C-alpha atoms as a PDB file:
ATOM      1  CA  MET A   1    -145.868  93.766 196.440  1.00  0.00           C
ATOM      2  CA  SER A   2    -146.726  97.455 196.555  1.00  0.00           C
ATOM      3  CA  THR A   3    -146.130  99.865 193.725  1.00  0.00           C
ATOM      4  CA  PRO A   4    -144.255 103.141 194.223  1.00  0.00           C
ATOM      5  CA  ALA A   5    -147.606 104.927 194.097  1.00  0.00           C
ATOM      6  CA  SER A   6    -149.215 102.832 196.817  1.00  0.00           C
ATOM      7  CA  ALA A   7    -146.120 103.057 199.030  1.00  0.00           C
ATOM      8  CA  ILE A   8    -146.212 106.858 198.912  1.00  0.00           C
ATOM      9  CA  ALA A   9    -149.961 107.165 199.253  1.00  0.00           C
ATOM     10  CA  ASN A  10    -150.370 104.663 202.117  1.00  0.00           C
ATOM     11  CA  SER A  11    -147.195 105.131 204.120  1.00  0.00           C
ATOM     12  CA  ALA A  12    -147.391 105.948 207.791  1.00  0.00           C
ATOM     13  CA  SER A  13    -143.621 105.918 208.376  1.00  0.00           C
ATOM     14  CA  PRO A  14    -142.361 108.230 211.111  1.00  0.00           C
ATOM     15  CA  LYS A  15    -140.731 111.400 209.857  1.00  0.00           C
ATOM     16  CA  SER A  16    -137.518 110.646 211.691  1.00  0.00           C
ATOM     17  CA  LEU A  17    -136.873 107.513 209.609  1.00  0.00           C
ATOM     18  CA  GLY A  18    -136.207 109.634 206.548  1.00  0.00           C
ATOM     19  CA  PHE A  19    -133.930 112.274 208.052  1.00  0.00           C
ATOM     20  CA  ILE A  20    -130.170 112.078 207.509  1.00  0.00           C
ATOM     21  CA  GLU A  21    -127.900 114.405 209.497  1.00  0.00           C
ATOM     22  CA  ARG A  22    -125.545 116.538 207.410  1.00  0.00           C
ATOM     23  CA  ASP A  23    -122.430 114.782 208.726  1.00  0.00           C
ATOM     24  CA  GLN A  24    -123.928 111.409 207.692  1.00  0.00           C
ATOM     25  CA  GLU A  25    -124.742 112.374 204.083  1.00  0.00           C
ATOM     26  CA  ASN A  26    -123.255 110.292 201.273  1.00  0.00           C
ATOM     27  CA  SER A  27    -120.986 111.937 198.702  1.00  0.00           C
ATOM     28  CA  ILE A  28    -123.766 112.438 196.134  1.00  0.00           C
ATOM     29  CA  ALA A  29    -125.937 114.320 198.628  1.00  0.00           C
ATOM     30  CA  HIS A  30    -123.110 116.228 200.324  1.00  0.00           C
ATOM     31  CA  ASP A  31    -120.689 116.958 197.482  1.00  0.00           C
ATOM     32  CA  LEU A  32    -122.882 116.975 194.373  1.00  0.00           C
ATOM     33  CA  ILE A  33    -126.340 118.182 195.406  1.00  0.00           C
ATOM     34  CA  ARG A  34    -125.981 120.251 198.612  1.00  0.00           C
ATOM     35  CA  PRO A  35    -123.737 122.987 197.095  1.00  0.00           C
ATOM     36  CA  TYR A  36    -126.615 124.115 194.840  1.00  0.00           C
ATOM     37  CA  PHE A  37    -128.883 125.089 197.706  1.00  0.00           C
ATOM     38  CA  GLN A  38    -128.948 128.438 199.479  1.00  0.00           C
ATOM     39  CA  ASP A  39    -130.821 129.348 202.642  1.00  0.00           C
ATOM     40  CA  ASP A  40    -132.742 132.257 201.105  1.00  0.00           C
ATOM     41  CA  HIS A  41    -134.713 130.666 198.253  1.00  0.00           C
ATOM     42  CA  GLU A  42    -136.033 127.298 197.162  1.00  0.00           C
ATOM     43  CA  LEU A  43    -134.389 125.520 194.236  1.00  0.00           C
ATOM     44  CA  PHE A  44    -135.367 122.279 192.538  1.00  0.00           C
ATOM     45  CA  LEU A  45    -132.980 119.762 190.907  1.00  0.00           C
ATOM     46  CA  LEU A  46    -133.545 116.704 188.753  1.00  0.00           C
ATOM     47  CA  LEU A  47    -130.617 114.314 188.376  1.00  0.00           C
ATOM     48  CA  ALA A  48    -130.644 111.506 185.802  1.00  0.00           C
ATOM     49  CA  PHE A  49    -128.474 108.398 186.083  1.00  0.00           C
ATOM     50  CA  ASP A  50    -127.675 105.644 183.589  1.00  0.00           C
ATOM     51  CA  ALA A  51    -127.754 101.884 184.235  1.00  0.00           C
ATOM     52  CA  MET A  52    -124.251 102.060 185.773  1.00  0.00           C
ATOM     53  CA  GLY A  53    -125.304 104.770 188.244  1.00  0.00           C
ATOM     54  CA  ARG A  54    -123.416 107.524 186.436  1.00  0.00           C
ATOM     55  CA  LEU A  55    -124.860 111.024 186.355  1.00  0.00           C
ATOM     56  CA  VAL A  56    -125.806 111.765 182.736  1.00  0.00           C
ATOM     57  CA  ARG A  57    -127.920 114.914 183.108  1.00  0.00           C
ATOM     58  CA  MET A  58    -128.895 117.478 185.690  1.00  0.00           C
ATOM     59  CA  GLN A  59    -131.437 120.291 185.484  1.00  0.00           C
ATOM     60  CA  GLN A  60    -132.338 122.995 187.977  1.00  0.00           C
ATOM     61  CA  ALA A  61    -135.210 125.428 188.407  1.00  0.00           C
ATOM     62  CA  ASN A  62    -136.152 128.048 190.947  1.00  0.00           C
ATOM     63  CA  SER A  63    -139.373 127.305 192.774  1.00  0.00           C
ATOM     64  CA  GLN A  64    -142.425 128.950 191.267  1.00  0.00           C
ATOM     65  CA  SER A  65    -144.740 128.257 194.191  1.00  0.00           C
ATOM     66  CA  ARG A  66    -144.525 128.389 197.956  1.00  0.00           C
ATOM     67  CA  LEU A  67    -147.570 126.128 198.302  1.00  0.00           C
ATOM     68  CA  HIS A  68    -146.220 123.004 196.655  1.00  0.00           C
ATOM     69  CA  CYS A  69    -143.391 121.536 194.689  1.00  0.00           C
ATOM     70  CA  ILE A  70    -143.783 122.198 190.956  1.00  0.00           C
ATOM     71  CA  ILE A  71    -141.546 120.581 188.356  1.00  0.00           C
ATOM     72  CA  PRO A  72    -141.719 122.489 185.077  1.00  0.00           C
ATOM     73  CA  LEU A  73    -142.414 120.289 182.046  1.00  0.00           C
ATOM     74  CA  SER A  74    -139.275 121.675 180.396  1.00  0.00           C
ATOM     75  CA  LEU A  75    -137.149 120.085 183.147  1.00  0.00           C
ATOM     76  CA  TRP A  76    -138.611 116.664 182.438  1.00  0.00           C
ATOM     77  CA  ARG A  77    -138.094 117.128 178.698  1.00  0.00           C
ATOM     78  CA  ASN A  78    -134.451 118.078 179.210  1.00  0.00           C
ATOM     79  CA  ILE A  79    -133.618 115.342 181.708  1.00  0.00           C
ATOM     80  CA  LEU A  80    -135.121 112.230 180.143  1.00  0.00           C
ATOM     81  CA  GLY A  81    -133.322 110.284 177.439  1.00  0.00           C
ATOM     82  CA  ASN A  82    -132.806 106.726 176.253  1.00  0.00           C
ATOM     83  CA  GLU A  83    -129.876 106.090 178.602  1.00  0.00           C
ATOM     84  CA  VAL A  84    -131.681 107.299 181.739  1.00  0.00           C
ATOM     85  CA  ARG A  85    -132.593 104.466 184.118  1.00  0.00           C
ATOM     86  CA  SER A  86    -133.177 106.359 187.367  1.00  0.00           C
ATOM     87  CA  VAL A  87    -133.935 109.876 188.516  1.00  0.00           C
ATOM     88  CA  VAL A  88    -133.335 111.630 191.814  1.00  0.00           C
ATOM     89  CA  MET A  89    -135.442 114.664 192.669  1.00  0.00           C
ATOM     90  CA  ALA A  90    -134.043 117.172 195.170  1.00  0.00           C
ATOM     91  CA  HIS A  91    -135.071 120.529 196.549  1.00  0.00           C
ATOM     92  CA  ASN A  92    -134.483 122.594 199.634  1.00  0.00           C
ATOM     93  CA  HIS A  93    -136.729 124.090 202.286  1.00  0.00           C
ATOM     94  CA  PRO A  94    -135.291 127.478 203.311  1.00  0.00           C
ATOM     95  CA  SER A  95    -137.688 127.337 206.280  1.00  0.00           C
ATOM     96  CA  GLY A  96    -135.385 124.732 207.820  1.00  0.00           C
ATOM     97  CA  ILE A  97    -138.219 122.196 208.081  1.00  0.00           C
ATOM     98  CA  ALA A  98    -137.068 119.020 206.348  1.00  0.00           C
ATOM     99  CA  TRP A  99    -140.345 117.105 206.435  1.00  0.00           C
ATOM    100  CA  PRO A 100    -142.240 116.768 203.153  1.00  0.00           C
ATOM    101  CA  SER A 101    -145.371 118.811 202.673  1.00  0.00           C
ATOM    102  CA  GLY A 102    -148.533 117.381 201.189  1.00  0.00           C
ATOM    103  CA  GLY A 103    -147.494 118.981 197.901  1.00  0.00           C
ATOM    104  CA  ASP A 104    -144.064 117.319 198.092  1.00  0.00           C
ATOM    105  CA  ARG A 105    -145.731 113.938 198.607  1.00  0.00           C
ATOM    106  CA  GLN A 106    -148.174 114.513 195.771  1.00  0.00           C
ATOM    107  CA  THR A 107    -145.436 115.609 193.381  1.00  0.00           C
ATOM    108  CA  THR A 108    -143.348 112.573 194.315  1.00  0.00           C
ATOM    109  CA  LEU A 109    -146.287 110.244 193.754  1.00  0.00           C
ATOM    110  CA  ARG A 110    -147.013 111.729 190.327  1.00  0.00           C
ATOM    111  CA  ALA A 111    -143.354 111.630 189.309  1.00  0.00           C
ATOM    112  CA  ALA A 112    -143.007 107.993 190.444  1.00  0.00           C
ATOM    113  CA  ILE A 113    -146.044 106.980 188.390  1.00  0.00           C
ATOM    114  CA  MET A 114    -144.919 108.898 185.304  1.00  0.00           C
ATOM    115  CA  LEU A 115    -141.353 107.574 185.456  1.00  0.00           C
ATOM    116  CA  ASP A 116    -142.552 104.012 186.063  1.00  0.00           C
ATOM    117  CA  LEU A 117    -144.640 104.209 182.877  1.00  0.00           C
ATOM    118  CA  LEU A 118    -141.438 105.149 181.028  1.00  0.00           C
ATOM    119  CA  GLY A 119    -139.460 102.286 182.576  1.00  0.00           C
ATOM    120  CA  ILE A 120    -137.413 104.666 184.750  1.00  0.00           C
ATOM    121  CA  ARG A 121    -137.035 104.280 188.510  1.00  0.00           C
ATOM    122  CA  LEU A 122    -137.488 107.215 190.872  1.00  0.00           C
ATOM    123  CA  GLY A 123    -134.448 106.576 193.064  1.00  0.00           C
ATOM    124  CA  ASP A 124    -135.243 109.180 195.697  1.00  0.00           C
ATOM    125  CA  HIS A 125    -136.677 112.585 196.476  1.00  0.00           C
ATOM    126  CA  LEU A 126    -134.439 114.554 198.837  1.00  0.00           C
ATOM    127  CA  ILE A 127    -135.403 117.662 200.810  1.00  0.00           C
ATOM    128  CA  PHE A 128    -132.387 119.627 202.019  1.00  0.00           C
ATOM    129  CA  VAL A 129    -132.147 121.873 205.058  1.00  0.00           C
ATOM    130  CA  LYS A 130    -129.103 123.333 206.776  1.00  0.00           C
ATOM    131  CA  ASN A 131    -128.521 120.437 209.200  1.00  0.00           C
ATOM    132  CA  GLY A 132    -129.295 117.515 206.861  1.00  0.00           C
ATOM    133  CA  HIS A 133    -131.855 116.190 204.424  1.00  0.00           C
ATOM    134  CA  TYR A 134    -134.995 114.087 204.277  1.00  0.00           C
ATOM    135  CA  SER A 135    -135.000 111.015 202.010  1.00  0.00           C
ATOM    136  CA  PHE A 136    -138.286 109.606 200.722  1.00  0.00           C
ATOM    137  CA  GLN A 137    -136.462 106.346 199.959  1.00  0.00           C
ATOM    138  CA  ARG A 138    -135.009 106.011 203.461  1.00  0.00           C
ATOM    139  CA  ALA A 139    -138.396 106.791 204.994  1.00  0.00           C
ATOM    140  CA  GLY A 140    -139.916 103.943 202.990  1.00  0.00           C
ATOM    141  CA  LEU A 141    -142.016 106.228 200.818  1.00  0.00           C
ATOM    142  CA  LEU A 142    -140.654 104.890 197.522  1.00  0.00           C
END
């Protein structure tokens, strides 16, 4: 059985496996997350869910780097709590390119390891573009 870290680091899944067209998005992606993203700047969201799958916290930050995905420590501090059992990471690519960068993969790997140590599951990392979003989970990277 592979760990989240090894799945992300060793995956050779085709990019297309992780892409979900906008009209196929579930209600969490389409109605809850998508409205936060604009086409002109990158934004990052962390969503925390309890054991029943209910949203208990959400934090957002504007991107501080164009080179890779950075999650400020303050976001992690604000999002994690005793009732949190899973986290979804989401950000947009104003470029319109949904595929994860090397920095996106590295950030996801580090977050999965850190959350696993805390007994919290990284449910997904979503990258939104105008016509849909990329799901690390659907691509088999988690």
